[in-house]
């Protein structure tokens, strides 16, 4: 049975977050993180189109989910120079405490 579209988008976002998290924690070298993000970035337009195709009541949450994923992609692309997403920033702050 195929996965629900909103679950697919959340799973994609979690995959992006996982790479960004591992990069930020030093568990994944920048080159490998960027290589993985390149693959995920290719999927981003399809995920955005999928979100747009869903009922309006789901779109706001999914746009937020994709916004977080976009920030995580940019964070890795910049090798940590750009701001982290809220979820990654929260994780990094918790680890610093």
N, C-alpha and C. Protein backbone atom coordinates (compact mmCIF):
# COMPACT_ATOMS: atom_id res chain seq x y z
N UNK A 1 0.85 -1.18 0.00
CA UNK A 1 0.00 0.00 0.00
C UNK A 1 0.89 1.24 0.00
N UNK A 2 0.62 2.18 -0.88
CA UNK A 2 1.43 3.41 -0.93
C UNK A 2 1.27 4.24 0.34
N UNK A 3 2.33 4.95 0.66
CA UNK A 3 2.36 5.83 1.82
C UNK A 3 1.49 7.06 1.56
N UNK A 4 0.84 7.58 2.60
CA UNK A 4 0.08 8.82 2.45
C UNK A 4 1.03 9.94 2.04
N UNK A 5 0.57 10.83 1.15
CA UNK A 5 1.45 11.90 0.68
C UNK A 5 2.02 12.77 1.80
N UNK A 6 1.21 13.09 2.81
CA UNK A 6 1.74 13.92 3.89
C UNK A 6 2.81 13.17 4.68
N UNK A 7 2.68 11.88 4.81
CA UNK A 7 3.70 11.07 5.48
C UNK A 7 4.99 11.07 4.65
N UNK A 8 4.84 10.99 3.34
CA UNK A 8 6.00 11.02 2.44
C UNK A 8 6.78 12.32 2.61
N UNK A 9 6.06 13.43 2.71
CA UNK A 9 6.71 14.74 2.87
C UNK A 9 7.40 14.83 4.23
N UNK A 10 6.74 14.37 5.28
CA UNK A 10 7.36 14.38 6.61
C UNK A 10 8.60 13.49 6.63
N UNK A 11 8.53 12.34 5.99
CA UNK A 11 9.68 11.42 5.95
C UNK A 11 10.85 12.08 5.20
N UNK A 12 10.55 12.72 4.08
CA UNK A 12 11.58 13.44 3.32
C UNK A 12 12.24 14.49 4.20
N UNK A 13 11.44 15.27 4.90
CA UNK A 13 11.96 16.32 5.77
C UNK A 13 12.84 15.72 6.87
N UNK A 14 12.45 14.60 7.41
CA UNK A 14 13.25 13.95 8.45
C UNK A 14 14.57 13.41 7.88
N UNK A 15 14.53 12.95 6.63
CA UNK A 15 15.77 12.51 5.99
C UNK A 15 16.74 13.68 5.84
N UNK A 16 16.23 14.83 5.41
CA UNK A 16 17.05 16.03 5.28
C UNK A 16 17.61 16.43 6.65
N UNK A 17 16.75 16.44 7.65
CA UNK A 17 17.18 16.79 9.00
C UNK A 17 18.27 15.84 9.50
N UNK A 18 18.12 14.56 9.23
CA UNK A 18 19.11 13.58 9.68
C UNK A 18 20.50 13.88 9.13
N UNK A 19 20.58 14.25 7.87
CA UNK A 19 21.88 14.59 7.27
C UNK A 19 22.42 15.86 7.92
N UNK A 20 21.57 16.88 8.06
CA UNK A 20 22.00 18.14 8.66
C UNK A 20 22.46 17.93 10.11
N UNK A 21 21.72 17.12 10.85
CA UNK A 21 22.07 16.83 12.24
C UNK A 21 23.43 16.15 12.32
N UNK A 22 23.61 15.11 11.50
CA UNK A 22 24.88 14.38 11.53
C UNK A 22 26.05 15.28 11.12
N UNK A 23 25.82 16.15 10.15
CA UNK A 23 26.85 17.10 9.74
C UNK A 23 27.17 18.06 10.89
N UNK A 24 26.14 18.63 11.50
CA UNK A 24 26.33 19.61 12.57
C UNK A 24 27.03 18.99 13.78
N UNK A 25 26.78 17.73 14.02
CA UNK A 25 27.39 17.04 15.16
C UNK A 25 28.77 16.48 14.84
N UNK A 26 29.24 16.70 13.61
CA UNK A 26 30.56 16.22 13.23
C UNK A 26 30.62 14.74 12.92
N UNK A 27 29.47 14.11 12.77
CA UNK A 27 29.43 12.68 12.46
C UNK A 27 29.52 12.41 10.96
N UNK A 28 29.38 13.46 10.17
CA UNK A 28 29.37 13.31 8.72
C UNK A 28 30.23 14.42 8.11
N UNK A 29 31.27 14.07 7.36
CA UNK A 29 32.11 15.10 6.73
C UNK A 29 31.28 15.96 5.77
N UNK A 30 31.71 17.19 5.59
CA UNK A 30 30.98 18.14 4.76
C UNK A 30 30.74 17.61 3.35
N UNK A 31 31.75 17.03 2.74
CA UNK A 31 31.61 16.54 1.36
C UNK A 31 30.55 15.45 1.26
N UNK A 32 30.54 14.54 2.22
CA UNK A 32 29.54 13.47 2.21
C UNK A 32 28.14 14.01 2.49
N UNK A 33 28.06 14.95 3.43
CA UNK A 33 26.77 15.56 3.73
C UNK A 33 26.22 16.28 2.51
N UNK A 34 27.08 17.02 1.82
CA UNK A 34 26.63 17.74 0.63
C UNK A 34 26.21 16.78 -0.48
N UNK A 35 26.92 15.68 -0.61
CA UNK A 35 26.56 14.68 -1.61
C UNK A 35 25.17 14.10 -1.31
N UNK A 36 24.92 13.80 -0.05
CA UNK A 36 23.60 13.28 0.32
C UNK A 36 22.51 14.33 0.12
N UNK A 37 22.84 15.58 0.45
CA UNK A 37 21.87 16.66 0.28
C UNK A 37 21.58 16.91 -1.20
N UNK A 38 22.56 16.70 -2.07
CA UNK A 38 22.31 16.86 -3.50
C UNK A 38 21.20 15.91 -3.96
N UNK A 39 21.24 14.70 -3.48
CA UNK A 39 20.22 13.71 -3.83
C UNK A 39 18.86 14.15 -3.29
N UNK A 40 18.84 14.59 -2.05
CA UNK A 40 17.58 15.04 -1.45
C UNK A 40 17.06 16.32 -2.11
N UNK A 41 17.97 17.22 -2.45
CA UNK A 41 17.57 18.49 -3.08
C UNK A 41 16.85 18.23 -4.40
N UNK A 42 17.27 17.20 -5.11
CA UNK A 42 16.61 16.85 -6.37
C UNK A 42 15.15 16.46 -6.15
N UNK A 43 14.84 15.96 -4.97
CA UNK A 43 13.48 15.53 -4.64
C UNK A 43 12.61 16.69 -4.16
N UNK A 44 13.25 17.79 -3.77
CA UNK A 44 12.51 18.89 -3.14
C UNK A 44 11.38 19.44 -4.02
N UNK A 45 11.61 19.72 -5.30
CA UNK A 45 10.49 20.25 -6.11
C UNK A 45 9.29 19.30 -6.16
N UNK A 46 9.55 18.01 -6.22
CA UNK A 46 8.44 17.05 -6.23
C UNK A 46 7.69 17.06 -4.91
N UNK A 47 8.43 17.21 -3.81
CA UNK A 47 7.77 17.28 -2.50
C UNK A 47 6.92 18.54 -2.38
N UNK A 48 7.44 19.65 -2.88
CA UNK A 48 6.69 20.91 -2.84
C UNK A 48 5.43 20.80 -3.69
N UNK A 49 5.55 20.20 -4.86
CA UNK A 49 4.38 20.03 -5.74
C UNK A 49 3.37 19.10 -5.09
N UNK A 50 3.85 18.07 -4.43
CA UNK A 50 2.95 17.14 -3.74
C UNK A 50 2.19 17.87 -2.64
N UNK A 51 2.89 18.70 -1.88
CA UNK A 51 2.24 19.46 -0.81
C UNK A 51 1.16 20.37 -1.39
N UNK A 52 1.46 21.01 -2.50
CA UNK A 52 0.49 21.92 -3.14
C UNK A 52 -0.74 21.18 -3.64
N UNK A 53 -0.60 19.90 -3.94
CA UNK A 53 -1.70 19.13 -4.48
C UNK A 53 -2.66 18.60 -3.41
N UNK A 54 -2.26 18.71 -2.17
CA UNK A 54 -3.06 18.17 -1.07
C UNK A 54 -4.11 19.18 -0.62
N UNK A 55 -5.10 18.71 0.16
CA UNK A 55 -6.13 19.62 0.66
C UNK A 55 -5.53 20.80 1.43
N UNK A 56 -6.17 21.92 1.31
CA UNK A 56 -5.69 23.16 1.90
C UNK A 56 -5.41 23.04 3.40
N UNK A 57 -6.21 22.25 4.10
CA UNK A 57 -6.02 22.14 5.56
C UNK A 57 -4.70 21.45 5.92
N UNK A 58 -4.11 20.72 4.99
CA UNK A 58 -2.82 20.08 5.24
C UNK A 58 -1.64 20.95 4.78
N UNK A 59 -1.90 21.87 3.88
CA UNK A 59 -0.82 22.60 3.23
C UNK A 59 0.01 23.47 4.17
N UNK A 60 -0.61 24.12 5.13
CA UNK A 60 0.16 25.01 6.01
C UNK A 60 1.22 24.23 6.78
N UNK A 61 0.83 23.12 7.36
CA UNK A 61 1.79 22.29 8.10
C UNK A 61 2.89 21.80 7.17
N UNK A 62 2.51 21.35 6.00
CA UNK A 62 3.50 20.80 5.08
C UNK A 62 4.44 21.87 4.54
N UNK A 63 3.94 23.06 4.36
CA UNK A 63 4.82 24.17 3.94
C UNK A 63 5.84 24.48 5.03
N UNK A 64 5.42 24.41 6.29
CA UNK A 64 6.36 24.61 7.41
C UNK A 64 7.40 23.49 7.44
N UNK A 65 6.95 22.27 7.23
CA UNK A 65 7.86 21.12 7.21
C UNK A 65 8.89 21.28 6.09
N UNK A 66 8.43 21.70 4.92
CA UNK A 66 9.35 21.89 3.80
C UNK A 66 10.25 23.10 4.00
N UNK A 67 9.76 24.10 4.69
CA UNK A 67 10.60 25.26 5.00
C UNK A 67 11.76 24.84 5.90
N UNK A 68 11.48 24.01 6.89
CA UNK A 68 12.54 23.49 7.76
C UNK A 68 13.55 22.69 6.94
N UNK A 69 13.05 21.86 6.04
CA UNK A 69 13.94 21.06 5.19
C UNK A 69 14.81 21.97 4.33
N UNK A 70 14.22 23.02 3.78
CA UNK A 70 14.97 23.97 2.95
C UNK A 70 16.09 24.62 3.76
N UNK A 71 15.80 25.00 4.98
CA UNK A 71 16.82 25.61 5.84
C UNK A 71 17.94 24.61 6.15
N UNK A 72 17.58 23.36 6.37
CA UNK A 72 18.59 22.35 6.64
C UNK A 72 19.47 22.12 5.41
N UNK A 73 18.86 22.12 4.22
CA UNK A 73 19.64 21.99 2.99
C UNK A 73 20.63 23.15 2.86
N UNK A 74 20.15 24.36 3.11
CA UNK A 74 21.01 25.55 3.00
C UNK A 74 22.12 25.54 4.05
N UNK A 75 21.80 25.07 5.25
CA UNK A 75 22.78 25.00 6.34
C UNK A 75 23.96 24.12 5.92
N UNK A 76 23.67 22.97 5.36
CA UNK A 76 24.75 22.06 4.94
C UNK A 76 25.47 22.63 3.73
N UNK A 77 24.72 23.19 2.78
CA UNK A 77 25.36 23.79 1.60
C UNK A 77 26.37 24.86 2.00
N UNK A 78 26.04 25.61 3.05
CA UNK A 78 26.92 26.69 3.49
C UNK A 78 27.98 26.21 4.49
N UNK A 79 28.01 24.91 4.73
CA UNK A 79 28.92 24.30 5.70
C UNK A 79 28.75 24.93 7.09
N UNK A 80 27.49 25.22 7.41
CA UNK A 80 27.17 25.73 8.74
C UNK A 80 27.21 27.23 8.88
N UNK A 81 27.47 27.95 7.79
CA UNK A 81 27.56 29.41 7.86
C UNK A 81 26.18 30.06 7.92
N UNK A 82 25.18 29.45 7.28
CA UNK A 82 23.82 30.01 7.32
C UNK A 82 23.10 29.50 8.57
N UNK A 83 22.07 30.21 9.00
CA UNK A 83 21.34 29.78 10.20
C UNK A 83 20.75 28.38 10.04
N UNK A 84 20.71 27.69 11.15
CA UNK A 84 20.10 26.36 11.20
C UNK A 84 18.58 26.50 11.24
N UNK A 85 17.89 25.45 10.86
CA UNK A 85 16.44 25.41 11.02
C UNK A 85 16.10 25.46 12.50
N UNK A 86 14.85 25.71 12.80
CA UNK A 86 14.44 25.74 14.23
C UNK A 86 14.75 24.42 14.90
N UNK A 87 14.43 23.32 14.24
CA UNK A 87 14.63 22.01 14.87
C UNK A 87 16.11 21.70 15.06
N UNK A 88 16.95 22.05 14.08
CA UNK A 88 18.38 21.80 14.22
C UNK A 88 18.97 22.75 15.24
N UNK A 89 18.54 24.00 15.22
CA UNK A 89 19.02 24.97 16.21
C UNK A 89 18.69 24.54 17.63
N UNK A 90 17.48 24.03 17.81
CA UNK A 90 17.05 23.54 19.13
C UNK A 90 17.95 22.39 19.59
N UNK A 91 18.21 21.47 18.69
CA UNK A 91 19.05 20.32 19.02
C UNK A 91 20.46 20.77 19.39
N UNK A 92 21.01 21.69 18.63
CA UNK A 92 22.36 22.18 18.90
C UNK A 92 22.44 22.93 20.22
N UNK A 93 21.40 23.71 20.52
CA UNK A 93 21.37 24.43 21.81
C UNK A 93 21.28 23.44 22.97
N UNK A 94 20.46 22.41 22.83
CA UNK A 94 20.32 21.41 23.90
C UNK A 94 21.64 20.69 24.13
N UNK A 95 22.36 20.42 23.08
CA UNK A 95 23.64 19.72 23.23
C UNK A 95 24.71 20.61 23.85
N UNK A 96 24.59 21.90 23.63
CA UNK A 96 25.57 22.84 24.18
C UNK A 96 25.38 23.06 25.66
N UNK A 97 24.20 22.75 26.16
CA UNK A 97 23.91 22.98 27.59
C UNK A 97 24.51 21.93 28.47
